Protein backbone atom coordinates (compact mmCIF):
# COMPACT_ATOMS: atom_id res chain seq x y z
CA MET A 1 -31.71 11.91 -73.15
CA SER A 2 -34.60 9.46 -73.13
CA ARG A 3 -37.23 9.07 -70.43
CA LEU A 4 -37.02 6.82 -67.39
CA ALA A 5 -38.28 3.30 -68.16
CA ILE A 6 -39.48 0.99 -65.36
CA THR A 7 -39.73 -2.79 -65.74
CA TRP A 8 -41.40 -4.77 -62.95
CA TYR A 9 -40.44 -8.42 -62.48
CA GLY A 10 -43.02 -8.93 -59.75
CA HIS A 11 -42.82 -8.53 -55.98
CA SER A 12 -40.13 -5.87 -55.34
CA THR A 13 -37.74 -6.52 -58.23
CA PHE A 14 -37.33 -3.73 -60.77
CA LEU A 15 -35.06 -2.70 -63.60
CA LEU A 16 -34.83 1.05 -64.16
CA ARG A 17 -33.43 2.34 -67.44
CA THR A 18 -32.35 5.88 -66.66
CA PRO A 19 -32.49 8.84 -69.06
CA GLY A 20 -28.72 8.47 -69.50
CA GLY A 21 -29.00 4.81 -70.43
CA ARG A 22 -27.93 3.24 -67.11
CA ARG A 23 -29.63 0.00 -66.07
CA VAL A 24 -30.38 -0.08 -62.33
CA LEU A 25 -31.41 -3.49 -60.99
CA ILE A 26 -33.16 -3.41 -57.61
CA ASP A 27 -33.60 -6.37 -55.23
CA PRO A 28 -32.98 -9.19 -57.74
CA TRP A 29 -35.31 -12.18 -57.23
CA PHE A 30 -36.25 -14.14 -60.34
CA ALA A 31 -35.99 -17.95 -60.25
CA GLY A 32 -38.05 -18.46 -57.08
CA ASN A 33 -40.32 -15.47 -57.61
CA PRO A 34 -43.81 -16.83 -58.40
CA ALA A 35 -44.89 -13.47 -59.78
CA CYS A 36 -42.01 -13.24 -62.26
CA PRO A 37 -42.97 -14.37 -65.80
CA ASP A 38 -41.26 -17.57 -66.91
CA SER A 39 -39.65 -15.76 -69.84
CA MET A 40 -37.92 -13.33 -67.43
CA LYS A 41 -36.39 -15.69 -64.85
CA VAL A 42 -32.81 -14.86 -65.87
CA PRO A 43 -31.23 -11.70 -64.34
CA PRO A 44 -31.00 -8.91 -66.95
CA ALA A 45 -27.88 -6.94 -67.79
CA ALA A 46 -27.23 -4.21 -65.22
CA ASP A 47 -24.86 -1.30 -64.64
CA VAL A 48 -25.53 -1.15 -60.88
CA ILE A 49 -27.42 -3.34 -58.42
CA LEU A 50 -29.18 -1.92 -55.36
CA VAL A 51 -30.07 -4.12 -52.39
CA SER A 52 -32.55 -2.90 -49.78
CA HIS A 53 -32.13 -5.78 -47.30
CA GLY A 54 -31.12 -9.40 -46.95
CA HIS A 55 -34.36 -11.36 -47.11
CA ALA A 56 -34.54 -14.15 -49.69
CA ASP A 57 -37.41 -12.52 -51.57
CA HIS A 58 -35.08 -9.57 -52.29
CA ILE A 59 -31.66 -11.18 -52.78
CA GLY A 60 -32.61 -14.67 -53.98
CA ASP A 61 -30.75 -14.09 -57.26
CA LEU A 62 -28.26 -11.47 -56.10
CA LEU A 63 -25.24 -13.74 -56.48
CA PRO A 64 -25.89 -14.79 -60.11
CA ALA A 65 -26.91 -11.23 -61.03
CA ALA A 66 -23.71 -9.81 -59.53
CA ARG A 67 -21.48 -12.45 -61.11
CA GLU A 68 -23.02 -12.20 -64.55
CA SER A 69 -23.21 -8.40 -64.76
CA GLN A 70 -20.02 -7.56 -62.83
CA ALA A 71 -21.94 -4.41 -61.85
CA PRO A 72 -21.19 -2.62 -58.58
CA VAL A 73 -23.50 -3.79 -55.79
CA VAL A 74 -24.73 -1.09 -53.41
CA ALA A 75 -25.89 -2.46 -50.07
CA ALA A 76 -25.48 -2.23 -46.32
CA PHE A 77 -22.03 -3.07 -44.96
CA GLU A 78 -23.16 -6.47 -43.67
CA VAL A 79 -24.64 -7.53 -47.02
CA CYS A 80 -21.45 -6.46 -48.80
CA ASP A 81 -19.34 -8.42 -46.31
CA TRP A 82 -21.43 -11.54 -47.03
CA LEU A 83 -21.04 -10.95 -50.78
CA GLU A 84 -17.27 -10.66 -50.48
CA GLY A 85 -17.29 -13.99 -48.66
CA LYS A 86 -18.97 -15.42 -51.77
CA GLY A 87 -16.27 -14.01 -54.04
CA ILE A 88 -18.07 -10.82 -55.13
CA ARG A 89 -15.50 -8.00 -55.01
CA HIS A 90 -17.31 -5.20 -56.83
CA VAL A 91 -19.28 -4.02 -53.79
CA ARG A 92 -20.08 -0.45 -52.73
CA PRO A 93 -21.03 -0.63 -49.04
CA MET A 94 -22.82 2.27 -47.36
CA ASN A 95 -25.17 3.05 -44.52
CA LYS A 96 -28.17 5.22 -43.79
CA GLY A 97 -27.70 8.92 -44.39
CA GLY A 98 -24.74 8.37 -46.70
CA THR A 99 -24.57 9.32 -50.37
CA GLN A 100 -22.28 8.11 -53.11
CA ASP A 101 -21.93 8.50 -56.85
CA VAL A 102 -22.32 5.19 -58.67
CA VAL A 103 -22.07 5.07 -62.48
CA GLY A 104 -23.01 8.75 -62.60
CA LEU A 105 -26.09 8.43 -60.38
CA GLY A 106 -26.50 9.93 -56.91
CA VAL A 107 -27.41 7.17 -54.44
CA THR A 108 -28.51 8.00 -50.89
CA MET A 109 -29.40 5.28 -48.40
CA THR A 110 -32.44 6.04 -46.25
CA ASP A 111 -34.11 4.44 -43.27
CA ALA A 112 -36.64 1.61 -43.51
CA ARG A 113 -38.46 -0.21 -40.71
CA HIS A 114 -38.06 -3.93 -41.30
CA SER A 115 -35.79 -6.87 -40.45
CA SER A 116 -32.96 -8.35 -42.52
CA GLY A 117 -31.52 -11.85 -42.45
CA PHE A 118 -30.70 -14.66 -44.87
CA VAL A 119 -30.58 -18.41 -44.33
CA ASP A 120 -27.24 -19.53 -45.75
CA GLU A 121 -26.28 -23.21 -45.53
CA GLY A 122 -28.92 -23.77 -42.86
CA ARG A 123 -27.83 -20.87 -40.67
CA MET A 124 -29.46 -17.46 -40.29
CA ILE A 125 -27.00 -14.73 -41.30
CA TYR A 126 -27.49 -11.20 -39.95
CA MET A 127 -27.66 -8.79 -42.88
CA GLY A 128 -27.70 -5.45 -41.09
CA GLU A 129 -30.72 -3.18 -41.06
CA ALA A 130 -33.22 -2.81 -43.88
CA ALA A 131 -32.95 0.39 -45.92
CA GLY A 132 -34.41 2.38 -48.77
CA TYR A 133 -32.76 4.49 -51.47
CA VAL A 134 -33.09 7.88 -53.08
CA LEU A 135 -31.74 7.98 -56.65
CA ARG A 136 -30.93 11.20 -58.45
CA LEU A 137 -30.98 10.58 -62.19
CA GLU A 138 -29.10 12.35 -64.97
CA ASP A 139 -32.02 14.62 -65.89
CA GLY A 140 -32.71 15.71 -62.30
CA LEU A 141 -35.57 13.28 -61.69
CA THR A 142 -35.49 11.88 -58.14
CA VAL A 143 -36.75 8.39 -57.31
CA TYR A 144 -37.41 6.98 -53.82
CA TYR A 145 -37.38 3.20 -53.42
CA ALA A 146 -38.73 2.55 -49.92
CA GLY A 147 -37.84 -1.15 -49.69
CA ASP A 148 -39.84 -3.23 -47.23
CA THR A 149 -41.02 -0.91 -44.50
CA SER A 150 -43.80 0.27 -42.27
CA LEU A 151 -44.96 3.85 -42.37
CA PHE A 152 -42.64 6.04 -40.29
CA GLY A 153 -42.69 9.74 -39.52
CA ASP A 154 -39.32 10.54 -41.08
CA MET A 155 -40.80 9.91 -44.52
CA ARG A 156 -41.79 13.56 -44.17
CA LEU A 157 -38.10 14.36 -43.73
CA ILE A 158 -37.20 12.32 -46.82
CA GLY A 159 -39.71 14.44 -48.70
CA GLU A 160 -38.24 17.68 -47.35
CA LEU A 161 -34.61 16.73 -47.97
CA HIS A 162 -34.89 14.96 -51.32
CA ALA A 163 -38.20 16.05 -52.91
CA PRO A 164 -38.71 12.75 -54.74
CA ASP A 165 -40.82 12.74 -57.88
CA ILE A 166 -41.62 9.00 -57.85
CA ALA A 167 -41.97 6.64 -54.87
CA PHE A 168 -41.86 2.85 -55.01
CA LEU A 169 -43.92 1.81 -51.98
CA PRO A 170 -44.89 -1.61 -50.58
CA ILE A 171 -48.63 -2.13 -50.14
CA GLY A 172 -49.07 -5.83 -49.34
CA ASP A 173 -49.69 -5.49 -45.57
CA ARG A 174 -48.71 -8.18 -43.00
CA PHE A 175 -44.94 -7.64 -43.51
CA THR A 176 -45.02 -4.01 -44.74
CA MET A 177 -47.35 -1.05 -45.08
CA ASP A 178 -50.89 -1.55 -46.31
CA PRO A 179 -52.51 0.68 -48.98
CA SER A 180 -53.79 3.15 -46.39
CA ALA A 181 -50.33 3.68 -44.91
CA ALA A 182 -48.77 3.84 -48.37
CA ALA A 183 -51.23 6.56 -49.41
CA ARG A 184 -50.24 8.58 -46.36
CA ALA A 185 -46.56 8.00 -47.15
CA ALA A 186 -47.08 9.31 -50.68
CA THR A 187 -48.69 12.46 -49.31
CA TRP A 188 -45.92 13.03 -46.78
CA LEU A 189 -43.27 12.50 -49.46
CA GLY A 190 -44.95 14.95 -51.82
CA VAL A 191 -44.44 12.71 -54.86
CA LYS A 192 -46.15 13.01 -58.22
CA MET A 193 -46.33 9.25 -58.82
CA VAL A 194 -46.46 6.04 -56.77
CA VAL A 195 -45.38 2.60 -57.99
CA PRO A 196 -46.95 -0.10 -55.74
CA MET A 197 -44.84 -3.17 -54.97
CA HIS A 198 -44.62 -6.16 -52.61
CA TRP A 199 -48.22 -7.15 -53.27
CA GLY A 200 -50.00 -10.17 -54.74
CA THR A 201 -47.00 -12.52 -54.67
CA PHE A 202 -48.40 -14.68 -51.87
CA PRO A 203 -51.91 -15.01 -50.37
CA LEU A 204 -50.72 -13.30 -47.17
CA LEU A 205 -50.08 -10.08 -49.09
CA THR A 206 -53.63 -8.77 -49.26
CA GLY A 207 -53.14 -5.10 -50.18
CA THR A 208 -54.08 -4.17 -53.75
CA PRO A 209 -53.32 -1.32 -56.16
CA ALA A 210 -57.07 -0.66 -56.45
CA ALA A 211 -57.24 0.00 -52.71
CA LEU A 212 -54.25 2.32 -52.95
CA ARG A 213 -55.65 4.23 -55.91
CA ALA A 214 -58.90 4.86 -54.05
CA LEU A 215 -56.97 6.48 -51.18
CA LEU A 216 -54.51 8.63 -53.13
CA PRO A 217 -55.29 12.32 -53.62
CA PRO A 218 -56.07 13.20 -57.25
CA GLU A 219 -52.75 15.00 -57.77
CA ILE A 220 -50.75 11.79 -57.19
CA GLU A 221 -50.68 9.38 -60.12
CA MET A 222 -50.36 5.61 -59.61
CA LEU A 223 -48.41 3.43 -62.05
CA ASP A 224 -50.26 0.10 -62.09
CA LEU A 225 -47.79 -2.32 -63.67
CA GLN A 226 -48.27 -6.06 -64.07
CA PRO A 227 -45.28 -8.38 -63.71
CA GLY A 228 -43.24 -8.31 -66.90
CA GLU A 229 -44.52 -4.92 -68.03
CA THR A 230 -42.42 -1.88 -68.82
CA ALA A 231 -43.57 1.74 -68.55
CA GLY A 232 -41.74 4.71 -70.00
């Protein structure tokens, strides 16, 4: 098996290439994403798509990504219902606390503290509650993608139950955690590495990786990607 590879498209959109060769696309937003490099505006090939919640900056390109890849889409029940109304049949609905096997990966949906709604044809559509995910990869590595969220006490419980190795945490402030809260989340989770996300896309998102790095304990590494970069 190879190592996990992480490609950041800017904001909260990632492509994970797992040790077993699976391509996991998370929160696809490309065309309207100002942080996404121009050469990467087209959704990549994927074996599974994970959706944390229904805001446009997380599902702006979900429909073309799902249609092109024909990959199963894992999301809250309400998001999957909306997708089916758009003709997407390969959905894998779930809710918080549940676990399912998708293309050989263990996927658990976790809590997140945020809202979720999408403006469709001029009308706000309720998209259920925001969520995060714990992914168990083929080599035993465990990844926690927090989605958009504030700091909440049950992150300690996520750490106890799932013992994640890597956490993808928002740091932008205003709509999510800031670097200080993200540093505390990393400590509660007990992770070895943090990948900061949801920062720098818009002026309102003022949190920075430098601020996060300064607050992390020395035993927790930070992966400081730039949009378009791949690590692993």
